[in-house]
Amino acid sequence: MKPALSFLALLVGVPAATAASLLTLTNPVADGAIITTAGNNDRSDWAGVAAFPTDPNESLTTDFQAVSFAHDSTNFYLHQQMYATDAGGFLHNNQMLFLDTDQNRSTGYLGPSGLFSVGGEYMLQGPTFYQYTGSGTDWSWAWVGPVPSYDDWPLNDHEMAFARSTIGNPVAFDFIAATDFWGGGDAYPDGAHGGATGGSYTYTTVPEPAAALLLALVPLLATRRRR
């Protein structure tokens, strides 16, 4: 098949995100806390999950508003909010999310003429994942599989769950969303078509800063106790 409690992460020991990353977030949730059953139409389980910044309403046919990610022990969760969608809605192939799972722009899909701010190893197009098999700017993708659980109604507010292993279980990934490869449609963030100097966002699964700070204090507390 061809492809048609939330925290700002101040992290130690995590592979560095690309220089273009504008914001890093982590949203750990309890297993089963987010329900993505088709027809559920309930987003109350996303309360307390921090979304990435709201994109301006540009009155486009397909227009991104905000994207949220969360994770539990086995799954990633995605919530996409749109100002507008075309008649195809969530299933339409011009609504794409590119995931840079190695956080290295020199690998993965860069868009035509290298326009993208990330090198995407995976593409989510509607409810289907593809893995990049090309050399940077050529359109070459291998089918990975469908998203097993999603709720696509209303069309401008949908959510999904997929196994972390689907995209190689990365500790962190950079991402952008786009409706047009050449920059004529919408992008999230708006600088996603800006090449190496453009913008992207980063999601990570590592412990939130409070936990990281506690771990950093353990050696110090042990030293004080020995005195």
N, C-alpha and C. Protein backbone atom coordinates (compact mmCIF):
# COMPACT_ATOMS: atom_id res chain seq x y z
N MET A 1 0.85 -1.20 0.00
CA MET A 1 0.00 0.00 0.00
C MET A 1 0.88 1.24 0.00
N LYS A 2 0.58 2.20 -0.82
CA LYS A 2 1.36 3.42 -0.89
C LYS A 2 0.70 4.48 -0.03
N PRO A 3 1.50 5.36 0.52
CA PRO A 3 0.92 6.38 1.38
C PRO A 3 0.13 7.43 0.64
N ALA A 4 -0.89 7.57 0.35
CA ALA A 4 -1.61 8.71 -0.19
C ALA A 4 -1.31 9.85 0.82
N LEU A 5 -1.13 15.22 36.16
CA LEU A 5 -0.11 16.10 36.19
C LEU A 5 0.86 16.50 35.03
N SER A 6 1.46 17.69 33.61
CA SER A 6 2.19 17.99 32.42
C SER A 6 3.36 18.87 32.76
N PHE A 7 4.46 18.66 32.04
CA PHE A 7 5.68 19.33 32.45
C PHE A 7 6.50 19.79 31.26
N LEU A 8 7.13 20.97 31.40
CA LEU A 8 8.16 21.39 30.48
C LEU A 8 9.39 20.61 30.84
N ALA A 9 10.02 19.94 29.88
CA ALA A 9 11.11 19.02 30.18
C ALA A 9 12.44 19.74 30.18
N LEU A 10 13.06 19.78 31.35
CA LEU A 10 14.43 20.26 31.51
C LEU A 10 15.21 19.03 31.91
N LEU A 11 15.88 18.41 30.97
CA LEU A 11 16.23 17.01 31.10
C LEU A 11 17.73 16.77 31.08
N VAL A 12 18.13 15.70 31.78
CA VAL A 12 19.52 15.30 31.85
C VAL A 12 19.65 13.92 31.24
N GLY A 13 20.68 13.70 30.42
CA GLY A 13 20.93 12.39 29.88
C GLY A 13 20.03 12.00 28.74
N VAL A 14 19.39 12.96 28.08
CA VAL A 14 18.51 12.69 26.96
C VAL A 14 19.21 13.17 25.69
N PRO A 15 19.13 12.41 24.57
CA PRO A 15 19.72 12.88 23.33
C PRO A 15 19.22 14.28 22.99
N ALA A 16 20.12 15.16 22.59
CA ALA A 16 19.75 16.54 22.31
C ALA A 16 18.80 16.63 21.13
N ALA A 17 17.78 17.46 21.30
CA ALA A 17 16.86 17.70 20.20
C ALA A 17 17.54 18.58 19.17
N THR A 18 16.97 18.67 17.98
CA THR A 18 17.54 19.52 16.96
C THR A 18 17.52 20.97 17.44
N ALA A 19 18.42 21.76 16.88
CA ALA A 19 18.51 23.16 17.27
C ALA A 19 17.22 23.90 16.99
N ALA A 20 16.42 23.37 16.05
CA ALA A 20 15.19 24.06 15.66
C ALA A 20 14.03 23.79 16.61
N SER A 21 14.20 22.90 17.60
CA SER A 21 13.09 22.57 18.49
C SER A 21 12.70 23.78 19.33
N LEU A 22 11.41 24.10 19.32
CA LEU A 22 10.91 25.29 20.01
C LEU A 22 10.47 25.01 21.44
N LEU A 23 10.06 23.78 21.72
CA LEU A 23 9.53 23.45 23.04
C LEU A 23 9.56 21.94 23.23
N THR A 24 9.91 21.51 24.44
CA THR A 24 9.88 20.09 24.81
C THR A 24 8.88 19.89 25.94
N LEU A 25 7.99 18.92 25.77
CA LEU A 25 6.99 18.59 26.78
C LEU A 25 7.00 17.10 27.07
N THR A 26 6.58 16.74 28.27
CA THR A 26 6.30 15.34 28.61
C THR A 26 4.98 15.29 29.38
N ASN A 27 4.15 14.30 29.07
CA ASN A 27 2.84 14.14 29.70
C ASN A 27 2.61 12.68 30.08
N PRO A 28 3.24 12.21 31.16
CA PRO A 28 2.98 10.83 31.59
C PRO A 28 1.59 10.69 32.17
N VAL A 29 0.89 9.62 31.81
CA VAL A 29 -0.45 9.34 32.35
C VAL A 29 -0.49 7.89 32.82
N ALA A 30 -1.45 7.59 33.68
CA ALA A 30 -1.62 6.22 34.14
C ALA A 30 -2.13 5.34 33.00
N ASP A 31 -1.76 4.07 33.04
CA ASP A 31 -2.23 3.14 32.03
C ASP A 31 -3.76 3.15 31.98
N GLY A 32 -4.30 3.31 30.80
CA GLY A 32 -5.75 3.30 30.63
C GLY A 32 -6.44 4.60 30.96
N ALA A 33 -5.68 5.65 31.28
CA ALA A 33 -6.30 6.92 31.67
C ALA A 33 -6.94 7.65 30.50
N ILE A 34 -6.43 7.41 29.30
CA ILE A 34 -6.98 8.04 28.10
C ILE A 34 -7.68 6.98 27.27
N ILE A 35 -8.95 7.21 26.96
CA ILE A 35 -9.75 6.26 26.19
C ILE A 35 -9.92 6.79 24.77
N THR A 36 -9.58 5.98 23.78
CA THR A 36 -9.64 6.44 22.38
C THR A 36 -10.58 5.57 21.54
N THR A 37 -11.63 5.07 22.14
CA THR A 37 -12.57 4.22 21.43
C THR A 37 -13.39 5.03 20.43
N ALA A 38 -13.52 4.53 19.22
CA ALA A 38 -14.31 5.22 18.20
C ALA A 38 -15.73 5.45 18.68
N GLY A 39 -16.23 6.66 18.46
CA GLY A 39 -17.58 7.00 18.87
C GLY A 39 -17.70 7.47 20.30
N ASN A 40 -16.58 7.48 21.03
CA ASN A 40 -16.61 7.93 22.42
C ASN A 40 -16.86 9.43 22.50
N ASN A 41 -16.20 10.17 21.63
CA ASN A 41 -16.40 11.62 21.49
C ASN A 41 -16.22 12.39 22.79
N ASP A 42 -15.39 11.88 23.68
CA ASP A 42 -15.18 12.52 24.98
C ASP A 42 -13.70 12.84 25.11
N ARG A 43 -13.38 14.13 25.32
CA ARG A 43 -11.98 14.54 25.46
C ARG A 43 -11.65 14.97 26.90
N SER A 44 -12.56 14.67 27.83
CA SER A 44 -12.32 15.09 29.21
C SER A 44 -11.10 14.40 29.81
N ASP A 45 -10.72 13.24 29.25
CA ASP A 45 -9.55 12.54 29.79
C ASP A 45 -8.24 13.22 29.41
N TRP A 46 -8.30 14.26 28.57
CA TRP A 46 -7.11 15.04 28.24
C TRP A 46 -6.94 16.23 29.17
N ALA A 47 -7.85 16.41 30.11
CA ALA A 47 -7.72 17.51 31.08
C ALA A 47 -6.41 17.35 31.85
N GLY A 48 -5.65 18.41 31.95
CA GLY A 48 -4.38 18.36 32.65
C GLY A 48 -3.21 17.98 31.77
N VAL A 49 -3.46 17.58 30.52
CA VAL A 49 -2.39 17.27 29.58
C VAL A 49 -2.04 18.54 28.82
N ALA A 50 -0.80 18.97 28.92
CA ALA A 50 -0.39 20.22 28.28
C ALA A 50 -0.27 20.04 26.77
N ALA A 51 -0.92 20.92 26.04
CA ALA A 51 -0.80 20.92 24.58
C ALA A 51 0.40 21.75 24.16
N PHE A 52 0.92 21.44 23.00
CA PHE A 52 1.92 22.32 22.39
C PHE A 52 1.21 23.61 21.97
N PRO A 53 1.96 24.67 21.69
CA PRO A 53 1.34 25.99 21.50
C PRO A 53 0.25 26.02 20.43
N THR A 54 -0.73 26.89 20.68
CA THR A 54 -1.82 27.08 19.74
C THR A 54 -1.33 27.81 18.50
N ASP A 55 -1.65 27.26 17.34
CA ASP A 55 -1.26 27.85 16.07
C ASP A 55 -2.32 28.88 15.67
N PRO A 56 -1.94 29.96 14.99
CA PRO A 56 -2.92 30.96 14.57
C PRO A 56 -3.95 30.37 13.60
N ASN A 57 -5.15 30.92 13.64
CA ASN A 57 -6.18 30.54 12.69
C ASN A 57 -5.92 31.28 11.38
N GLU A 58 -5.54 30.51 10.36
CA GLU A 58 -5.18 31.12 9.08
C GLU A 58 -6.27 30.94 8.03
N SER A 59 -7.44 30.47 8.47
CA SER A 59 -8.62 30.33 7.60
C SER A 59 -8.33 29.50 6.36
N LEU A 60 -7.58 28.40 6.57
CA LEU A 60 -7.27 27.49 5.48
C LEU A 60 -8.26 26.34 5.45
N THR A 61 -8.31 25.62 4.35
CA THR A 61 -9.24 24.50 4.22
C THR A 61 -8.98 23.45 5.29
N THR A 62 -7.70 23.14 5.51
CA THR A 62 -7.29 22.30 6.63
C THR A 62 -6.33 23.13 7.46
N ASP A 63 -6.66 23.39 8.71
CA ASP A 63 -5.95 24.39 9.51
C ASP A 63 -5.71 23.85 10.92
N PHE A 64 -4.43 23.62 11.26
CA PHE A 64 -4.08 23.09 12.57
C PHE A 64 -4.30 24.14 13.67
N GLN A 65 -4.81 23.66 14.81
CA GLN A 65 -4.95 24.52 15.98
C GLN A 65 -3.93 24.15 17.05
N ALA A 66 -3.93 22.90 17.50
CA ALA A 66 -2.99 22.48 18.53
C ALA A 66 -2.83 20.96 18.49
N VAL A 67 -1.68 20.50 18.96
CA VAL A 67 -1.36 19.07 19.05
C VAL A 67 -0.93 18.75 20.46
N SER A 68 -1.41 17.64 20.99
CA SER A 68 -1.00 17.17 22.32
C SER A 68 -0.53 15.72 22.21
N PHE A 69 0.51 15.39 22.95
CA PHE A 69 0.95 14.01 23.11
C PHE A 69 0.93 13.65 24.59
N ALA A 70 0.72 12.37 24.87
CA ALA A 70 0.85 11.82 26.22
C ALA A 70 1.38 10.40 26.06
N HIS A 71 1.77 9.79 27.18
CA HIS A 71 2.25 8.41 27.11
C HIS A 71 2.00 7.70 28.43
N ASP A 72 1.83 6.37 28.34
CA ASP A 72 1.84 5.52 29.53
C ASP A 72 2.91 4.46 29.34
N SER A 73 2.83 3.34 30.02
CA SER A 73 3.91 2.36 29.96
C SER A 73 4.05 1.68 28.60
N THR A 74 2.98 1.66 27.81
CA THR A 74 3.04 0.95 26.52
C THR A 74 2.62 1.78 25.32
N ASN A 75 1.86 2.84 25.52
CA ASN A 75 1.28 3.57 24.40
C ASN A 75 1.69 5.04 24.36
N PHE A 76 1.67 5.58 23.13
CA PHE A 76 1.63 7.02 22.91
C PHE A 76 0.18 7.40 22.61
N TYR A 77 -0.21 8.60 23.02
CA TYR A 77 -1.54 9.13 22.75
C TYR A 77 -1.39 10.46 22.03
N LEU A 78 -2.24 10.69 21.04
CA LEU A 78 -2.18 11.90 20.24
C LEU A 78 -3.56 12.54 20.19
N HIS A 79 -3.60 13.85 20.40
CA HIS A 79 -4.84 14.63 20.30
C HIS A 79 -4.57 15.77 19.34
N GLN A 80 -5.28 15.81 18.24
CA GLN A 80 -5.13 16.87 17.25
C GLN A 80 -6.41 17.70 17.18
N GLN A 81 -6.25 19.00 17.32
CA GLN A 81 -7.37 19.93 17.23
C GLN A 81 -7.16 20.83 16.01
N MET A 82 -8.22 21.01 15.25
CA MET A 82 -8.14 21.76 14.00
C MET A 82 -9.16 22.90 14.02
N TYR A 83 -8.80 24.03 13.40
CA TYR A 83 -9.79 25.09 13.18
C TYR A 83 -10.76 24.65 12.09
N ALA A 84 -10.23 23.94 11.10
CA ALA A 84 -11.07 23.49 9.98
C ALA A 84 -10.45 22.27 9.35
N THR A 85 -11.29 21.40 8.82
CA THR A 85 -10.82 20.26 8.04
C THR A 85 -11.62 20.23 6.74
N ASP A 86 -11.01 19.69 5.68
CA ASP A 86 -11.77 19.55 4.45
C ASP A 86 -12.74 18.38 4.58
N ALA A 87 -13.43 18.07 3.55
CA ALA A 87 -14.48 17.06 3.61
C ALA A 87 -13.96 15.69 4.03
N GLY A 88 -12.67 15.43 3.76
CA GLY A 88 -12.09 14.15 4.14
C GLY A 88 -11.76 14.05 5.61
N GLY A 89 -11.70 15.20 6.30
CA GLY A 89 -11.43 15.22 7.73
C GLY A 89 -10.14 14.51 8.09
N PHE A 90 -10.15 13.82 9.20
CA PHE A 90 -8.99 13.12 9.75
C PHE A 90 -8.42 12.11 8.76
N LEU A 91 -9.27 11.52 7.93
CA LEU A 91 -8.83 10.46 7.02
C LEU A 91 -8.17 11.00 5.75
N HIS A 92 -8.22 12.30 5.55
CA HIS A 92 -7.71 12.86 4.31
C HIS A 92 -6.19 12.82 4.29
N ASN A 93 -5.62 12.56 3.11
CA ASN A 93 -4.16 12.36 3.03
C ASN A 93 -3.36 13.65 3.02
N ASN A 94 -4.01 14.81 3.11
CA ASN A 94 -3.21 16.03 3.20
C ASN A 94 -3.00 16.46 4.66
N GLN A 95 -3.36 15.61 5.59
CA GLN A 95 -3.17 15.90 7.01
C GLN A 95 -2.11 14.93 7.54
N MET A 96 -0.88 15.40 7.60
CA MET A 96 0.27 14.52 7.87
C MET A 96 1.06 14.98 9.09
N LEU A 97 1.55 14.02 9.85
CA LEU A 97 2.41 14.27 10.99
C LEU A 97 3.72 13.52 10.75
N PHE A 98 4.85 14.22 10.83
CA PHE A 98 6.17 13.62 10.60
C PHE A 98 6.92 13.55 11.93
N LEU A 99 7.40 12.34 12.26
CA LEU A 99 8.08 12.09 13.53
C LEU A 99 9.55 11.81 13.29
N ASP A 100 10.41 12.63 13.87
CA ASP A 100 11.86 12.46 13.78
C ASP A 100 12.31 11.72 15.04
N THR A 101 12.30 10.39 14.97
CA THR A 101 12.50 9.58 16.17
C THR A 101 13.96 9.45 16.59
N ASP A 102 14.91 9.80 15.71
CA ASP A 102 16.30 9.81 16.14
C ASP A 102 16.80 11.22 16.42
N GLN A 103 15.90 12.20 16.28
CA GLN A 103 16.21 13.61 16.54
C GLN A 103 17.46 14.07 15.79
N ASN A 104 17.55 13.62 14.55
CA ASN A 104 18.70 13.92 13.71
C ASN A 104 18.19 14.33 12.34
N ARG A 105 18.31 15.60 12.02
CA ARG A 105 17.76 16.10 10.76
C ARG A 105 18.49 15.56 9.55
N SER A 106 19.68 15.03 9.72
CA SER A 106 20.44 14.51 8.58
C SER A 106 19.96 13.13 8.13
N THR A 107 19.02 12.54 8.87
CA THR A 107 18.42 11.28 8.46
C THR A 107 16.91 11.46 8.37
N GLY A 108 16.23 10.62 7.58
CA GLY A 108 14.79 10.71 7.46
C GLY A 108 14.34 11.64 6.35
N TYR A 109 13.03 11.76 6.21
CA TYR A 109 12.45 12.54 5.12
C TYR A 109 12.50 14.03 5.43
N LEU A 110 13.08 14.80 4.51
CA LEU A 110 13.25 16.24 4.69
C LEU A 110 12.25 17.07 3.90
N GLY A 111 11.32 16.40 3.23
CA GLY A 111 10.42 17.14 2.37
C GLY A 111 11.09 17.44 1.04
N PRO A 112 10.33 17.92 0.06
CA PRO A 112 10.92 18.26 -1.24
C PRO A 112 11.93 19.39 -1.11
N SER A 113 13.07 19.22 -1.71
CA SER A 113 14.14 20.24 -1.67
C SER A 113 14.59 20.54 -0.25
N GLY A 114 14.38 19.61 0.68
CA GLY A 114 14.85 19.79 2.05
C GLY A 114 14.15 20.89 2.81
N LEU A 115 12.85 21.10 2.55
CA LEU A 115 12.12 22.21 3.16
C LEU A 115 11.77 21.98 4.62
N PHE A 116 11.70 20.71 5.07
CA PHE A 116 11.24 20.44 6.42
C PHE A 116 12.31 20.75 7.47
N SER A 117 11.85 21.10 8.66
CA SER A 117 12.77 21.40 9.77
C SER A 117 13.23 20.14 10.49
N VAL A 118 12.65 18.98 10.18
CA VAL A 118 13.07 17.71 10.78
C VAL A 118 13.32 16.70 9.67
N GLY A 119 14.00 15.62 10.03
CA GLY A 119 14.14 14.48 9.15
C GLY A 119 13.25 13.36 9.67
N GLY A 120 12.10 13.17 9.05
CA GLY A 120 11.10 12.26 9.61
C GLY A 120 11.36 10.80 9.30
N GLU A 121 11.50 9.99 10.35
CA GLU A 121 11.61 8.53 10.16
C GLU A 121 10.23 7.90 9.95
N TYR A 122 9.19 8.53 10.50
CA TYR A 122 7.84 7.99 10.38
C TYR A 122 6.88 9.10 9.96
N MET A 123 5.85 8.70 9.21
CA MET A 123 4.79 9.61 8.83
C MET A 123 3.46 9.00 9.25
N LEU A 124 2.65 9.81 9.91
CA LEU A 124 1.28 9.43 10.23
C LEU A 124 0.37 10.17 9.28
N GLN A 125 -0.31 9.42 8.44
CA GLN A 125 -1.20 10.01 7.44
C GLN A 125 -2.59 9.46 7.69
N GLY A 126 -3.49 10.31 8.23
CA GLY A 126 -4.76 9.78 8.70
C GLY A 126 -4.51 8.79 9.82
N PRO A 127 -5.07 7.59 9.75
CA PRO A 127 -4.87 6.59 10.80
C PRO A 127 -3.86 5.51 10.41
N THR A 128 -2.86 5.86 9.57
CA THR A 128 -1.90 4.87 9.09
C THR A 128 -0.47 5.37 9.25
N PHE A 129 0.42 4.47 9.69
CA PHE A 129 1.84 4.79 9.85
C PHE A 129 2.65 4.25 8.68
N TYR A 130 3.62 5.07 8.25
CA TYR A 130 4.59 4.67 7.25
C TYR A 130 6.00 4.97 7.78
N GLN A 131 6.97 4.17 7.37
CA GLN A 131 8.37 4.38 7.75
C GLN A 131 9.16 4.78 6.51
N TYR A 132 10.03 5.77 6.68
CA TYR A 132 10.75 6.30 5.53
C TYR A 132 11.85 5.34 5.09
N THR A 133 11.96 5.12 3.78
CA THR A 133 12.96 4.22 3.22
C THR A 133 13.82 4.91 2.17
N GLY A 134 13.66 6.22 2.04
CA GLY A 134 14.39 6.96 1.01
C GLY A 134 15.70 7.54 1.51
N SER A 135 16.20 8.51 0.76
CA SER A 135 17.52 9.09 1.06
C SER A 135 17.45 10.57 1.41
N GLY A 136 16.29 11.06 1.77
CA GLY A 136 16.20 12.44 2.25
C GLY A 136 15.07 13.23 1.63
N THR A 137 15.03 13.32 0.30
CA THR A 137 14.02 14.13 -0.34
C THR A 137 13.15 13.35 -1.31
N ASP A 138 13.50 12.09 -1.57
CA ASP A 138 12.65 11.28 -2.45
C ASP A 138 11.47 10.71 -1.67
N TRP A 139 10.36 10.47 -2.35
CA TRP A 139 9.13 9.98 -1.72
C TRP A 139 9.17 8.46 -1.71
N SER A 140 9.66 7.88 -0.61
CA SER A 140 9.81 6.43 -0.52
C SER A 140 9.46 5.98 0.88
N TRP A 141 8.33 5.27 1.02
CA TRP A 141 7.81 4.91 2.33
C TRP A 141 7.39 3.44 2.35
N ALA A 142 7.58 2.80 3.48
CA ALA A 142 7.10 1.44 3.69
C ALA A 142 5.93 1.47 4.67
N TRP A 143 4.88 0.74 4.32
CA TRP A 143 3.70 0.66 5.17
C TRP A 143 4.04 -0.03 6.48
N VAL A 144 3.70 0.59 7.62
CA VAL A 144 3.93 0.00 8.94
C VAL A 144 2.65 -0.65 9.44
N GLY A 145 1.56 0.07 9.39
CA GLY A 145 0.28 -0.49 9.83
C GLY A 145 -0.68 0.58 10.26
N PRO A 146 -1.93 0.20 10.48
CA PRO A 146 -2.95 1.16 10.90
C PRO A 146 -2.85 1.47 12.39
N VAL A 147 -3.34 2.63 12.76
CA VAL A 147 -3.50 2.97 14.17
C VAL A 147 -4.64 2.10 14.71
N PRO A 148 -4.41 1.33 15.77
CA PRO A 148 -5.42 0.38 16.22
C PRO A 148 -6.60 0.99 16.95
N SER A 149 -6.44 2.20 17.48
CA SER A 149 -7.50 2.78 18.29
C SER A 149 -7.55 4.28 18.08
N TYR A 150 -8.68 4.78 17.58
CA TYR A 150 -8.82 6.23 17.40
C TYR A 150 -10.29 6.62 17.38
N ASP A 151 -10.51 7.89 17.69
CA ASP A 151 -11.84 8.48 17.64
C ASP A 151 -11.74 9.70 16.75
N ASP A 152 -12.37 9.66 15.59
CA ASP A 152 -12.20 10.72 14.59
C ASP A 152 -13.41 11.64 14.50
N TRP A 153 -14.21 11.67 15.54
CA TRP A 153 -15.36 12.59 15.52
C TRP A 153 -15.40 13.39 16.80
N PRO A 154 -15.58 14.71 16.72
CA PRO A 154 -15.80 15.48 15.50
C PRO A 154 -14.54 15.56 14.63
N LEU A 155 -14.73 15.86 13.36
CA LEU A 155 -13.62 15.82 12.41
C LEU A 155 -12.51 16.79 12.75
N ASN A 156 -12.83 17.86 13.45
CA ASN A 156 -11.80 18.85 13.78
C ASN A 156 -11.21 18.63 15.18
N ASP A 157 -11.50 17.48 15.80
CA ASP A 157 -10.97 17.19 17.14
C ASP A 157 -10.92 15.67 17.29
N HIS A 158 -9.76 15.09 17.06
CA HIS A 158 -9.67 13.64 17.11
C HIS A 158 -8.49 13.19 17.97
N GLU A 159 -8.53 11.94 18.39
CA GLU A 159 -7.51 11.38 19.26
C GLU A 159 -7.20 9.96 18.84
N MET A 160 -6.04 9.48 19.25
CA MET A 160 -5.65 8.12 18.91
C MET A 160 -4.65 7.58 19.93
N ALA A 161 -4.52 6.26 19.94
CA ALA A 161 -3.52 5.57 20.76
C ALA A 161 -2.79 4.59 19.87
N PHE A 162 -1.49 4.47 20.07
CA PHE A 162 -0.71 3.48 19.34
C PHE A 162 0.46 3.03 20.21
N ALA A 163 0.88 1.80 20.02
CA ALA A 163 1.97 1.24 20.82
C ALA A 163 3.25 2.03 20.61
N ARG A 164 3.98 2.26 21.67
CA ARG A 164 5.25 2.96 21.56
C ARG A 164 6.21 2.23 20.62
N SER A 165 6.08 0.91 20.57
CA SER A 165 6.95 0.11 19.71
C SER A 165 6.67 0.34 18.22
N THR A 166 5.51 0.89 17.88
CA THR A 166 5.18 1.16 16.48
C THR A 166 6.21 2.06 15.82
N ILE A 167 6.74 3.00 16.59
CA ILE A 167 7.75 3.93 16.05
C ILE A 167 9.10 3.70 16.71
N GLY A 168 9.35 2.47 17.16
CA GLY A 168 10.67 2.11 17.70
C GLY A 168 10.89 2.45 19.14
N ASN A 169 9.81 2.78 19.87
CA ASN A 169 9.88 3.10 21.29
C ASN A 169 10.97 4.13 21.62
N PRO A 170 10.94 5.29 20.97
CA PRO A 170 11.97 6.30 21.24
C PRO A 170 11.80 6.94 22.61
N VAL A 171 12.90 7.35 23.20
CA VAL A 171 12.85 8.11 24.44
C VAL A 171 12.25 9.49 24.18
N ALA A 172 12.55 10.04 23.01
CA ALA A 172 12.04 11.36 22.63
C ALA A 172 11.97 11.43 21.12
N PHE A 173 11.14 12.33 20.62
CA PHE A 173 11.09 12.56 19.18
C PHE A 173 10.71 14.00 18.90
N ASP A 174 11.19 14.51 17.77
CA ASP A 174 10.76 15.81 17.27
C ASP A 174 9.64 15.58 16.26
N PHE A 175 8.77 16.57 16.10
CA PHE A 175 7.69 16.39 15.14
C PHE A 175 7.24 17.71 14.54
N ILE A 176 6.66 17.59 13.35
CA ILE A 176 5.97 18.69 12.70
C ILE A 176 4.70 18.12 12.07
N ALA A 177 3.75 18.98 11.76
CA ALA A 177 2.56 18.59 11.01
C ALA A 177 2.48 19.48 9.78
N ALA A 178 1.95 18.92 8.70
CA ALA A 178 1.88 19.69 7.46
C ALA A 178 0.70 19.23 6.62
N THR A 179 0.14 20.14 5.84
CA THR A 179 -0.92 19.79 4.90
C THR A 179 -0.45 19.94 3.46
N ASP A 180 0.77 20.47 3.27
CA ASP A 180 1.29 20.67 1.93
C ASP A 180 2.81 20.58 1.98
N PHE A 181 3.40 19.82 1.06
CA PHE A 181 4.85 19.62 1.09
C PHE A 181 5.63 20.88 0.75
N TRP A 182 5.04 21.76 -0.05
CA TRP A 182 5.77 22.91 -0.55
C TRP A 182 5.52 24.18 0.25
N GLY A 183 4.76 24.09 1.30
CA GLY A 183 4.55 25.26 2.15
C GLY A 183 3.36 26.10 1.75
N GLY A 184 2.54 25.63 0.80
CA GLY A 184 1.38 26.40 0.39
C GLY A 184 0.17 26.18 1.27
N GLY A 185 0.20 25.12 2.09
CA GLY A 185 -0.89 24.85 3.01
C GLY A 185 -0.52 25.26 4.42
N ASP A 186 -1.06 24.55 5.40
CA ASP A 186 -0.76 24.88 6.79
C ASP A 186 0.38 24.01 7.29
N ALA A 187 1.06 24.52 8.30
CA ALA A 187 2.13 23.77 8.96
C ALA A 187 2.05 24.03 10.46
N TYR A 188 2.51 23.05 11.22
CA TYR A 188 2.52 23.17 12.69
C TYR A 188 3.85 22.66 13.20
N PRO A 189 4.70 23.53 13.78
CA PRO A 189 4.51 24.99 13.88
C PRO A 189 4.64 25.66 12.52
N ASP A 190 4.39 26.96 12.48
CA ASP A 190 4.40 27.66 11.20
C ASP A 190 5.76 27.62 10.53
N GLY A 191 6.84 27.45 11.30
CA GLY A 191 8.18 27.39 10.72
C GLY A 191 8.60 26.03 10.23
N ALA A 192 7.67 25.07 10.18
CA ALA A 192 8.03 23.69 9.82
C ALA A 192 8.60 23.57 8.42
N HIS A 193 8.28 24.51 7.53
CA HIS A 193 8.83 24.49 6.18
C HIS A 193 10.09 25.35 6.06
N GLY A 194 10.69 25.70 7.18
CA GLY A 194 11.83 26.61 7.17
C GLY A 194 13.19 25.96 7.07
N GLY A 195 13.24 24.66 6.73
CA GLY A 195 14.53 23.99 6.61
C GLY A 195 15.25 23.91 7.94
N ALA A 196 16.58 23.93 7.91
CA ALA A 196 17.40 23.77 9.11
C ALA A 196 17.18 24.87 10.12
N THR A 197 16.67 26.01 9.70
CA THR A 197 16.44 27.12 10.62
C THR A 197 14.96 27.23 10.99
N GLY A 198 14.15 26.28 10.56
CA GLY A 198 12.72 26.30 10.87
C GLY A 198 12.43 25.81 12.27
N GLY A 199 11.16 25.57 12.56
CA GLY A 199 10.75 25.18 13.90
C GLY A 199 10.15 23.79 13.95
N SER A 200 10.28 23.16 15.12
CA SER A 200 9.63 21.88 15.39
C SER A 200 9.37 21.81 16.88
N TYR A 201 8.65 20.79 17.32
CA TYR A 201 8.42 20.55 18.74
C TYR A 201 8.97 19.18 19.12
N THR A 202 9.20 18.99 20.42
CA THR A 202 9.78 17.75 20.92
C THR A 202 8.92 17.17 22.03
N TYR A 203 8.66 15.87 21.93
CA TYR A 203 8.00 15.14 23.01
C TYR A 203 8.98 14.13 23.59
N THR A 204 8.98 13.98 24.93
CA THR A 204 9.89 13.05 25.58
C THR A 204 9.16 12.22 26.62
N THR A 205 9.69 11.03 26.92
CA THR A 205 9.09 10.13 27.90
C THR A 205 9.89 10.06 29.19
N VAL A 206 10.95 10.82 29.29
CA VAL A 206 11.79 10.73 30.49
C VAL A 206 11.10 11.35 31.68
N PRO A 207 11.60 11.08 32.90
CA PRO A 207 10.93 11.63 34.10
C PRO A 207 10.82 13.14 34.05
N GLU A 208 9.73 13.63 34.61
CA GLU A 208 9.52 15.06 34.69
C GLU A 208 10.59 15.71 35.55
N PRO A 209 10.78 17.03 35.43
CA PRO A 209 11.85 17.71 36.16
C PRO A 209 11.86 17.45 37.66
N ALA A 210 10.69 17.38 38.29
CA ALA A 210 10.65 17.16 39.74
C ALA A 210 11.30 15.83 40.09
N ALA A 211 11.00 14.78 39.32
CA ALA A 211 11.60 13.47 39.58
C ALA A 211 13.08 13.50 39.26
N ALA A 212 13.44 14.18 38.16
CA ALA A 212 14.85 14.26 37.79
C ALA A 212 15.65 14.98 38.87
N LEU A 213 15.08 16.04 39.45
CA LEU A 213 15.76 16.78 40.51
C LEU A 213 15.96 15.89 41.73
N LEU A 214 14.96 15.12 42.10
CA LEU A 214 15.07 14.22 43.24
C LEU A 214 16.18 13.21 43.03
N LEU A 215 16.26 12.65 41.83
CA LEU A 215 17.31 11.68 41.54
C LEU A 215 18.69 12.33 41.62
N ALA A 216 18.79 13.56 41.19
CA ALA A 216 20.07 14.27 41.24
C ALA A 216 20.50 14.54 42.66
N LEU A 217 19.54 14.68 43.59
CA LEU A 217 19.87 14.98 44.98
C LEU A 217 20.26 13.74 45.79
N VAL A 218 19.95 12.55 45.28
CA VAL A 218 20.23 11.33 46.04
C VAL A 218 21.70 11.20 46.41
N PRO A 219 22.66 11.35 45.46
CA PRO A 219 24.07 11.25 45.86
C PRO A 219 24.47 12.26 46.92
N LEU A 220 23.95 13.48 46.82
CA LEU A 220 24.27 14.52 47.79
C LEU A 220 23.74 14.15 49.17
N LEU A 221 22.53 13.65 49.25
CA LEU A 221 21.94 13.26 50.52
C LEU A 221 22.72 12.10 51.13
N ALA A 222 23.16 11.17 50.29
CA ALA A 222 23.94 10.04 50.80
C ALA A 222 25.26 10.50 51.38
N THR A 223 25.89 11.47 50.73
CA THR A 223 27.18 12.01 51.22
C THR A 223 26.99 12.68 52.56
N ARG A 224 25.95 13.49 52.69
CA ARG A 224 25.69 14.18 53.96
C ARG A 224 25.43 13.19 55.09
N ARG A 225 24.77 12.07 54.77
CA ARG A 225 24.45 11.09 55.80
C ARG A 225 25.69 10.40 56.33
N ARG A 226 26.71 10.22 55.44
CA ARG A 226 27.95 9.55 55.86
C ARG A 226 28.78 10.42 56.77
N ARG A 227 28.58 11.72 56.76
CA ARG A 227 29.43 12.63 57.56
C ARG A 227 29.09 12.53 59.04
